[in-house]
Amino acid sequence: MLLEQQLQQDRIAAGMPGTRLARENEVIHRYHRALGRPGTEIALKLLDLCRHRGRPG
């Protein structure tokens, strides 16, 4: 997980988005294919948790 955090910081420092949107879409589609609409909701919640891990608040 630390590597992903470092990559995110590097992307932000380079003026790029902090997240890889294509990767996030891949995760969402995978959960959706397996579980339907509930899978989409689960994937979105998991991605949100991952984005905010280690941040205060």
C-alpha atoms as a PDB file:
ATOM      1  CA  MET A   1       0.000   0.000   0.000  1.00  0.00           C
ATOM      2  CA  LEU A   2       2.882   2.357   0.658  1.00  0.00           C
ATOM      3  CA  LEU A   3       4.006   2.110  -2.966  1.00  0.00           C
ATOM      4  CA  GLU A   4       0.560   3.172  -4.184  1.00  0.00           C
ATOM      5  CA  GLN A   5       0.591   6.115  -1.787  1.00  0.00           C
ATOM      6  CA  GLN A   6       4.006   7.186  -3.075  1.00  0.00           C
ATOM      7  CA  LEU A   7       2.814   6.897  -6.665  1.00  0.00           C
ATOM      8  CA  GLN A   8      -0.228   9.004  -5.828  1.00  0.00           C
ATOM      9  CA  GLN A   9       1.970  11.696  -4.261  1.00  0.00           C
ATOM     10  CA  ASP A  10       4.255  11.637  -7.300  1.00  0.00           C
ATOM     11  CA  ARG A  11       1.287  12.051  -9.666  1.00  0.00           C
ATOM     12  CA  ILE A  12      -0.020  14.993  -7.658  1.00  0.00           C
ATOM     13  CA  ALA A  13       3.437  16.619  -7.536  1.00  0.00           C
ATOM     14  CA  ALA A  14       3.631  16.286 -11.333  1.00  0.00           C
ATOM     15  CA  GLY A  15       0.307  18.105 -11.694  1.00  0.00           C
ATOM     16  CA  MET A  16      -1.604  14.961 -12.589  1.00  0.00           C
ATOM     17  CA  PRO A  17      -4.707  13.549 -10.902  1.00  0.00           C
ATOM     18  CA  GLY A  18      -3.955  11.721  -7.685  1.00  0.00           C
ATOM     19  CA  THR A  19      -5.901   8.676  -8.777  1.00  0.00           C
ATOM     20  CA  ARG A  20      -5.680   6.441 -11.810  1.00  0.00           C
ATOM     21  CA  LEU A  21      -9.214   6.741 -13.125  1.00  0.00           C
ATOM     22  CA  ALA A  22      -8.819   3.888 -15.623  1.00  0.00           C
ATOM     23  CA  ARG A  23      -7.817   1.556 -12.772  1.00  0.00           C
ATOM     24  CA  GLU A  24     -10.735   2.697 -10.647  1.00  0.00           C
ATOM     25  CA  ASN A  25     -13.141   2.100 -13.546  1.00  0.00           C
ATOM     26  CA  GLU A  26     -11.691  -1.380 -13.975  1.00  0.00           C
ATOM     27  CA  VAL A  27     -12.382  -2.143 -10.315  1.00  0.00           C
ATOM     28  CA  ILE A  28     -15.935  -0.797 -10.558  1.00  0.00           C
ATOM     29  CA  HIS A  29     -16.677  -2.848 -13.682  1.00  0.00           C
ATOM     30  CA  ARG A  30     -15.256  -6.020 -12.110  1.00  0.00           C
ATOM     31  CA  TYR A  31     -17.475  -5.695  -9.037  1.00  0.00           C
ATOM     32  CA  HIS A  32     -20.481  -4.795 -11.198  1.00  0.00           C
ATOM     33  CA  ARG A  33     -20.019  -7.841 -13.450  1.00  0.00           C
ATOM     34  CA  ALA A  34     -19.789 -10.125 -10.438  1.00  0.00           C
ATOM     35  CA  LEU A  35     -22.551  -8.637  -8.266  1.00  0.00           C
ATOM     36  CA  GLY A  36     -24.637  -6.263 -10.364  1.00  0.00           C
ATOM     37  CA  ARG A  37     -25.701  -2.901  -8.957  1.00  0.00           C
ATOM     38  CA  PRO A  38     -24.769  -3.815  -5.352  1.00  0.00           C
ATOM     39  CA  GLY A  39     -21.264  -4.609  -6.620  1.00  0.00           C
ATOM     40  CA  THR A  40     -20.975  -1.135  -8.087  1.00  0.00           C
ATOM     41  CA  GLU A  41     -21.938   0.390  -4.756  1.00  0.00           C
ATOM     42  CA  ILE A  42     -19.439  -1.819  -2.895  1.00  0.00           C
ATOM     43  CA  ALA A  43     -16.647  -0.899  -5.310  1.00  0.00           C
ATOM     44  CA  LEU A  44     -17.360   2.821  -4.932  1.00  0.00           C
ATOM     45  CA  LYS A  45     -17.297   2.548  -1.132  1.00  0.00           C
ATOM     46  CA  LEU A  46     -14.031   0.577  -1.186  1.00  0.00           C
ATOM     47  CA  LEU A  47     -12.387   3.048  -3.538  1.00  0.00           C
ATOM     48  CA  ASP A  48     -13.512   5.922  -1.334  1.00  0.00           C
ATOM     49  CA  LEU A  49     -12.038   4.225   1.730  1.00  0.00           C
ATOM     50  CA  CYS A  50      -8.748   3.630  -0.087  1.00  0.00           C
ATOM     51  CA  ARG A  51      -8.545   7.242  -1.246  1.00  0.00           C
ATOM     52  CA  HIS A  52      -8.946   8.592   2.269  1.00  0.00           C
ATOM     53  CA  ARG A  53      -6.740   6.077   4.064  1.00  0.00           C
ATOM     54  CA  GLY A  54      -4.094   7.855   6.077  1.00  0.00           C
ATOM     55  CA  ARG A  55      -5.714  11.272   5.723  1.00  0.00           C
ATOM     56  CA  PRO A  56      -6.964  13.076   8.795  1.00  0.00           C
ATOM     57  CA  GLY A  57     -10.707  13.525   9.138  1.00  0.00           C
END
